[in-house]
Amino acid sequence: MKPANARGLPLARSDIDVLGGEVDGFDPRRYFDHQEQRAAQAAARRWPLLAGLLGYGAEAPRRDA
């Protein structure tokens, strides 16, 4: 079960999940949302010491690897 927000409504995991719920015939399992990966990579560049301590190195790990 997905967590609920302050209003008690279920939260979508990503924009792709929302689109899949709104558009008939759109299958979110066939698409990959790069938003999370890009945010992790930007954070690793912004805080390289912390990223290194967490084992990310210069780049955040890729989900498809």
PDB file of N, CA and C in Angstrom:
ATOM      1  N   MET A   1       0.840  -1.177   0.000  1.00  0.00           N
ATOM      2  CA  MET A   1       0.000   0.000   0.000  1.00  0.00           C
ATOM      3  C   MET A   1       0.882   1.237   0.000  1.00  0.00           C
ATOM      4  N   LYS A   2       0.512   2.214  -0.822  1.00  0.00           N
ATOM      5  CA  LYS A   2       1.279   3.445  -0.898  1.00  0.00           C
ATOM      6  C   LYS A   2       0.994   4.315   0.320  1.00  0.00           C
ATOM      7  N   PRO A   3       1.983   5.098   0.765  1.00  0.00           N
ATOM      8  CA  PRO A   3       1.746   5.995   1.904  1.00  0.00           C
ATOM      9  C   PRO A   3       0.756   7.083   1.531  1.00  0.00           C
ATOM     10  N   ALA A   4       0.104   7.636   2.533  1.00  0.00           N
ATOM     11  CA  ALA A   4      -0.874   8.697   2.309  1.00  0.00           C
ATOM     12  C   ALA A   4      -0.278  10.043   2.684  1.00  0.00           C
ATOM     13  N   ASN A   5      -0.766  11.077   2.023  1.00  0.00           N
ATOM     14  CA  ASN A   5      -0.312  12.423   2.369  1.00  0.00           C
ATOM     15  C   ASN A   5      -1.164  12.978   3.509  1.00  0.00           C
ATOM     16  N   ALA A   6      -1.005  14.260   3.822  1.00  0.00           N
ATOM     17  CA  ALA A   6      -1.700  14.861   4.962  1.00  0.00           C
ATOM     18  C   ALA A   6      -3.217  14.826   4.810  1.00  0.00           C
ATOM     19  N   ARG A   7      -3.700  14.774   3.582  1.00  0.00           N
ATOM     20  CA  ARG A   7      -5.142  14.722   3.347  1.00  0.00           C
ATOM     21  C   ARG A   7      -5.673  13.295   3.306  1.00  0.00           C
ATOM     22  N   GLY A   8      -4.783  12.322   3.473  1.00  0.00           N
ATOM     23  CA  GLY A   8      -5.204  10.931   3.455  1.00  0.00           C
ATOM     24  C   GLY A   8      -5.302  10.333   2.065  1.00  0.00           C
ATOM     25  N   LEU A   9      -4.850  11.065   1.056  1.00  0.00           N
ATOM     26  CA  LEU A   9      -4.889  10.565  -0.310  1.00  0.00           C
ATOM     27  C   LEU A   9      -3.619   9.771  -0.594  1.00  0.00           C
ATOM     28  N   PRO A  10      -3.704   8.670  -1.337  1.00  0.00           N
ATOM     29  CA  PRO A  10      -2.498   7.900  -1.640  1.00  0.00           C
ATOM     30  C   PRO A  10      -1.554   8.703  -2.526  1.00  0.00           C
ATOM     31  N   LEU A  11      -0.260   8.560  -2.276  1.00  0.00           N
ATOM     32  CA  LEU A  11       0.750   9.262  -3.054  1.00  0.00           C
ATOM     33  C   LEU A  11       1.187   8.408  -4.234  1.00  0.00           C
ATOM     34  N   ALA A  12       1.372   9.035  -5.383  1.00  0.00           N
ATOM     35  CA  ALA A  12       1.908   8.338  -6.544  1.00  0.00           C
ATOM     36  C   ALA A  12       3.425   8.268  -6.403  1.00  0.00           C
ATOM     37  N   ARG A  13       4.025   7.206  -6.910  1.00  0.00           N
ATOM     38  CA  ARG A  13       5.474   7.070  -6.821  1.00  0.00           C
ATOM     39  C   ARG A  13       6.192   7.983  -7.800  1.00  0.00           C
ATOM     40  N   SER A  14       5.570   8.278  -8.932  1.00  0.00           N
ATOM     41  CA  SER A  14       6.234   9.104  -9.936  1.00  0.00           C
ATOM     42  C   SER A  14       5.205   9.719 -10.875  1.00  0.00           C
ATOM     43  N   ASP A  15       5.691  10.605 -11.740  1.00  0.00           N
ATOM     44  CA  ASP A  15       4.826  11.209 -12.746  1.00  0.00           C
ATOM     45  C   ASP A  15       4.276  10.147 -13.698  1.00  0.00           C
ATOM     46  N   ILE A  16       5.074   9.133 -13.971  1.00  0.00           N
ATOM     47  CA  ILE A  16       4.649   8.057 -14.862  1.00  0.00           C
ATOM     48  C   ILE A  16       3.464   7.312 -14.257  1.00  0.00           C
ATOM     49  N   ASP A  17       3.494   7.056 -12.948  1.00  0.00           N
ATOM     50  CA  ASP A  17       2.375   6.392 -12.280  1.00  0.00           C
ATOM     51  C   ASP A  17       1.106   7.229 -12.372  1.00  0.00           C
ATOM     52  N   VAL A  18       1.244   8.538 -12.199  1.00  0.00           N
ATOM     53  CA  VAL A  18       0.088   9.433 -12.293  1.00  0.00           C
ATOM     54  C   VAL A  18      -0.481   9.397 -13.702  1.00  0.00           C
ATOM     55  N   LEU A  19       0.393   9.490 -14.702  1.00  0.00           N
ATOM     56  CA  LEU A  19      -0.051   9.451 -16.086  1.00  0.00           C
ATOM     57  C   LEU A  19      -0.756   8.133 -16.393  1.00  0.00           C
ATOM     58  N   GLY A  20      -0.227   7.035 -15.875  1.00  0.00           N
ATOM     59  CA  GLY A  20      -0.859   5.736 -16.081  1.00  0.00           C
ATOM     60  C   GLY A  20      -2.242   5.657 -15.475  1.00  0.00           C
ATOM     61  N   GLY A  21      -2.465   6.366 -14.376  1.00  0.00           N
ATOM     62  CA  GLY A  21      -3.777   6.369 -13.754  1.00  0.00           C
ATOM     63  C   GLY A  21      -4.768   7.287 -14.437  1.00  0.00           C
ATOM     64  N   GLU A  22      -4.272   8.252 -15.208  1.00  0.00           N
ATOM     65  CA  GLU A  22      -5.142   9.248 -15.835  1.00  0.00           C
ATOM     66  C   GLU A  22      -5.446   8.961 -17.302  1.00  0.00           C
ATOM     67  N   VAL A  23      -4.555   8.271 -18.007  1.00  0.00           N
ATOM     68  CA  VAL A  23      -4.695   8.076 -19.447  1.00  0.00           C
ATOM     69  C   VAL A  23      -5.000   6.612 -19.743  1.00  0.00           C
ATOM     70  N   ASP A  24      -6.158   6.372 -20.353  1.00  0.00           N
ATOM     71  CA  ASP A  24      -6.529   5.006 -20.737  1.00  0.00           C
ATOM     72  C   ASP A  24      -5.543   4.477 -21.776  1.00  0.00           C
ATOM     73  N   GLY A  25      -5.123   3.245 -21.609  1.00  0.00           N
ATOM     74  CA  GLY A  25      -4.222   2.614 -22.552  1.00  0.00           C
ATOM     75  C   GLY A  25      -2.748   2.886 -22.303  1.00  0.00           C
ATOM     76  N   PHE A  26      -2.422   3.730 -21.343  1.00  0.00           N
ATOM     77  CA  PHE A  26      -1.020   4.019 -21.017  1.00  0.00           C
ATOM     78  C   PHE A  26      -0.566   3.040 -19.951  1.00  0.00           C
ATOM     79  N   ASP A  27       0.460   2.259 -20.250  1.00  0.00           N
ATOM     80  CA  ASP A  27       0.964   1.254 -19.320  1.00  0.00           C
ATOM     81  C   ASP A  27       2.255   1.758 -18.680  1.00  0.00           C
ATOM     82  N   PRO A  28       2.210   2.186 -17.399  1.00  0.00           N
ATOM     83  CA  PRO A  28       3.414   2.738 -16.767  1.00  0.00           C
ATOM     84  C   PRO A  28       4.545   1.726 -16.615  1.00  0.00           C
ATOM     85  N   ARG A  29       4.250   0.432 -16.702  1.00  0.00           N
ATOM     86  CA  ARG A  29       5.314  -0.576 -16.587  1.00  0.00           C
ATOM     87  C   ARG A  29       6.233  -0.572 -17.802  1.00  0.00           C
ATOM     88  N   ARG A  30       5.802   0.055 -18.900  1.00  0.00           N
ATOM     89  CA  ARG A  30       6.608   0.086 -20.121  1.00  0.00           C
ATOM     90  C   ARG A  30       7.500   1.319 -20.207  1.00  0.00           C
ATOM     91  N   TYR A  31       7.472   2.183 -19.202  1.00  0.00           N
ATOM     92  CA  TYR A  31       8.231   3.429 -19.218  1.00  0.00           C
ATOM     93  C   TYR A  31       9.089   3.536 -17.968  1.00  0.00           C
ATOM     94  N   PHE A  32      10.175   4.282 -18.082  1.00  0.00           N
ATOM     95  CA  PHE A  32      11.073   4.496 -16.949  1.00  0.00           C
ATOM     96  C   PHE A  32      11.149   5.989 -16.679  1.00  0.00           C
ATOM     97  N   ASP A  33      10.906   6.385 -15.452  1.00  0.00           N
ATOM     98  CA  ASP A  33      10.969   7.790 -15.062  1.00  0.00           C
ATOM     99  C   ASP A  33      12.380   8.099 -14.568  1.00  0.00           C
ATOM    100  N   HIS A  34      13.090   8.977 -15.264  1.00  0.00           N
ATOM    101  CA  HIS A  34      14.476   9.307 -14.927  1.00  0.00           C
ATOM    102  C   HIS A  34      14.595  10.357 -13.836  1.00  0.00           C
ATOM    103  N   GLN A  35      13.475  10.844 -13.323  1.00  0.00           N
ATOM    104  CA  GLN A  35      13.495  11.926 -12.340  1.00  0.00           C
ATOM    105  C   GLN A  35      14.295  11.546 -11.093  1.00  0.00           C
ATOM    106  N   GLU A  36      14.080  10.358 -10.557  1.00  0.00           N
ATOM    107  CA  GLU A  36      14.788   9.928  -9.345  1.00  0.00           C
ATOM    108  C   GLU A  36      16.288   9.800  -9.596  1.00  0.00           C
ATOM    109  N   GLN A  37      16.648   9.203 -10.725  1.00  0.00           N
ATOM    110  CA  GLN A  37      18.064   9.023 -11.058  1.00  0.00           C
ATOM    111  C   GLN A  37      18.762  10.369 -11.224  1.00  0.00           C
ATOM    112  N   ARG A  38      18.125  11.303 -11.905  1.00  0.00           N
ATOM    113  CA  ARG A  38      18.726  12.624 -12.107  1.00  0.00           C
ATOM    114  C   ARG A  38      18.886  13.372 -10.786  1.00  0.00           C
ATOM    115  N   ALA A  39      17.912  13.259  -9.906  1.00  0.00           N
ATOM    116  CA  ALA A  39      18.002  13.921  -8.598  1.00  0.00           C
ATOM    117  C   ALA A  39      19.151  13.337  -7.782  1.00  0.00           C
ATOM    118  N   ALA A  40      19.328  12.018  -7.825  1.00  0.00           N
ATOM    119  CA  ALA A  40      20.418  11.375  -7.089  1.00  0.00           C
ATOM    120  C   ALA A  40      21.775  11.791  -7.653  1.00  0.00           C
ATOM    121  N   GLN A  41      21.885  11.884  -8.970  1.00  0.00           N
ATOM    122  CA  GLN A  41      23.145  12.305  -9.582  1.00  0.00           C
ATOM    123  C   GLN A  41      23.470  13.754  -9.239  1.00  0.00           C
ATOM    124  N   ALA A  42      22.455  14.617  -9.245  1.00  0.00           N
ATOM    125  CA  ALA A  42      22.675  16.023  -8.882  1.00  0.00           C
ATOM    126  C   ALA A  42      23.111  16.140  -7.425  1.00  0.00           C
ATOM    127  N   ALA A  43      22.507  15.349  -6.550  1.00  0.00           N
ATOM    128  CA  ALA A  43      22.889  15.368  -5.133  1.00  0.00           C
ATOM    129  C   ALA A  43      24.318  14.871  -4.952  1.00  0.00           C
ATOM    130  N   ALA A  44      24.717  13.849  -5.713  1.00  0.00           N
ATOM    131  CA  ALA A  44      26.084  13.325  -5.613  1.00  0.00           C
ATOM    132  C   ALA A  44      27.104  14.362  -6.073  1.00  0.00           C
ATOM    133  N   ARG A  45      26.744  15.166  -7.088  1.00  0.00           N
ATOM    134  CA  ARG A  45      27.655  16.234  -7.534  1.00  0.00           C
ATOM    135  C   ARG A  45      27.704  17.371  -6.518  1.00  0.00           C
ATOM    136  N   ARG A  46      26.575  17.656  -5.886  1.00  0.00           N
ATOM    137  CA  ARG A  46      26.523  18.767  -4.934  1.00  0.00           C
ATOM    138  C   ARG A  46      27.233  18.433  -3.626  1.00  0.00           C
ATOM    139  N   TRP A  47      27.105  17.190  -3.169  1.00  0.00           N
ATOM    140  CA  TRP A  47      27.707  16.754  -1.908  1.00  0.00           C
ATOM    141  C   TRP A  47      28.613  15.541  -2.167  1.00  0.00           C
ATOM    142  N   PRO A  48      29.751  15.731  -2.846  1.00  0.00           N
ATOM    143  CA  PRO A  48      30.595  14.597  -3.225  1.00  0.00           C
ATOM    144  C   PRO A  48      31.165  13.829  -2.030  1.00  0.00           C
ATOM    145  N   LEU A  49      31.485  14.512  -0.934  1.00  0.00           N
ATOM    146  CA  LEU A  49      32.024  13.817   0.236  1.00  0.00           C
ATOM    147  C   LEU A  49      30.985  12.851   0.801  1.00  0.00           C
ATOM    148  N   LEU A  50      29.776  13.327   0.972  1.00  0.00           N
ATOM    149  CA  LEU A  50      28.705  12.468   1.480  1.00  0.00           C
ATOM    150  C   LEU A  50      28.418  11.323   0.510  1.00  0.00           C
ATOM    151  N   ALA A  51      28.402  11.626  -0.784  1.00  0.00           N
ATOM    152  CA  ALA A  51      28.167  10.581  -1.780  1.00  0.00           C
ATOM    153  C   ALA A  51      29.255   9.514  -1.705  1.00  0.00           C
ATOM    154  N   GLY A  52      30.511   9.942  -1.515  1.00  0.00           N
ATOM    155  CA  GLY A  52      31.609   8.989  -1.383  1.00  0.00           C
ATOM    156  C   GLY A  52      31.475   8.128  -0.144  1.00  0.00           C
ATOM    157  N   LEU A  53      31.072   8.747   0.974  1.00  0.00           N
ATOM    158  CA  LEU A  53      30.887   7.986   2.215  1.00  0.00           C
ATOM    159  C   LEU A  53      29.763   6.959   2.089  1.00  0.00           C
ATOM    160  N   LEU A  54      28.760   7.293   1.289  1.00  0.00           N
ATOM    161  CA  LEU A  54      27.642   6.372   1.083  1.00  0.00           C
ATOM    162  C   LEU A  54      27.922   5.353  -0.016  1.00  0.00           C
ATOM    163  N   GLY A  55      29.086   5.475  -0.654  1.00  0.00           N
ATOM    164  CA  GLY A  55      29.478   4.501  -1.666  1.00  0.00           C
ATOM    165  C   GLY A  55      29.015   4.824  -3.071  1.00  0.00           C
ATOM    166  N   TYR A  56      28.578   6.064  -3.307  1.00  0.00           N
ATOM    167  CA  TYR A  56      28.119   6.427  -4.643  1.00  0.00           C
ATOM    168  C   TYR A  56      29.245   6.891  -5.547  1.00  0.00           C
ATOM    169  N   GLY A  57      30.349   7.334  -4.997  1.00  0.00           N
ATOM    170  CA  GLY A  57      31.420   7.883  -5.816  1.00  0.00           C
ATOM    171  C   GLY A  57      30.977   9.200  -6.420  1.00  0.00           C
ATOM    172  N   ALA A  58      31.440   9.499  -7.629  1.00  0.00           N
ATOM    173  CA  ALA A  58      31.098  10.765  -8.277  1.00  0.00           C
ATOM    174  C   ALA A  58      29.685  10.752  -8.845  1.00  0.00           C
ATOM    175  N   GLU A  59      29.193   9.596  -9.176  1.00  0.00           N
ATOM    176  CA  GLU A  59      27.864   9.480  -9.775  1.00  0.00           C
ATOM    177  C   GLU A  59      26.987   8.582  -8.918  1.00  0.00           C
ATOM    178  N   ALA A  60      25.726   8.897  -8.874  1.00  0.00           N
ATOM    179  CA  ALA A  60      24.770   8.030  -8.189  1.00  0.00           C
ATOM    180  C   ALA A  60      24.583   6.771  -9.025  1.00  0.00           C
ATOM    181  N   PRO A  61      24.296   5.649  -8.399  1.00  0.00           N
ATOM    182  CA  PRO A  61      24.144   4.401  -9.154  1.00  0.00           C
ATOM    183  C   PRO A  61      22.944   4.452 -10.083  1.00  0.00           C
ATOM    184  N   ARG A  62      23.053   3.747 -11.196  1.00  0.00           N
ATOM    185  CA  ARG A  62      21.948   3.655 -12.157  1.00  0.00           C
ATOM    186  C   ARG A  62      21.027   2.525 -11.741  1.00  0.00           C
ATOM    187  N   ARG A  63      19.738   2.717 -11.941  1.00  0.00           N
ATOM    188  CA  ARG A  63      18.762   1.693 -11.564  1.00  0.00           C
ATOM    189  C   ARG A  63      18.800   0.492 -12.497  1.00  0.00           C
ATOM    190  N   ASP A  64      19.135   0.724 -13.773  1.00  0.00           N
ATOM    191  CA  ASP A  64      19.101  -0.356 -14.746  1.00  0.00           C
ATOM    192  C   ASP A  64      20.368  -1.191 -14.738  1.00  0.00           C
ATOM    193  N   ALA A  65      21.344  -0.837 -13.922  1.00  0.00           N
ATOM    194  CA  ALA A  65      22.610  -1.589 -13.871  1.00  0.00           C
ATOM    195  C   ALA A  65      22.502  -2.781 -12.949  1.00  0.00           C
TER     196      ALA A  65
END
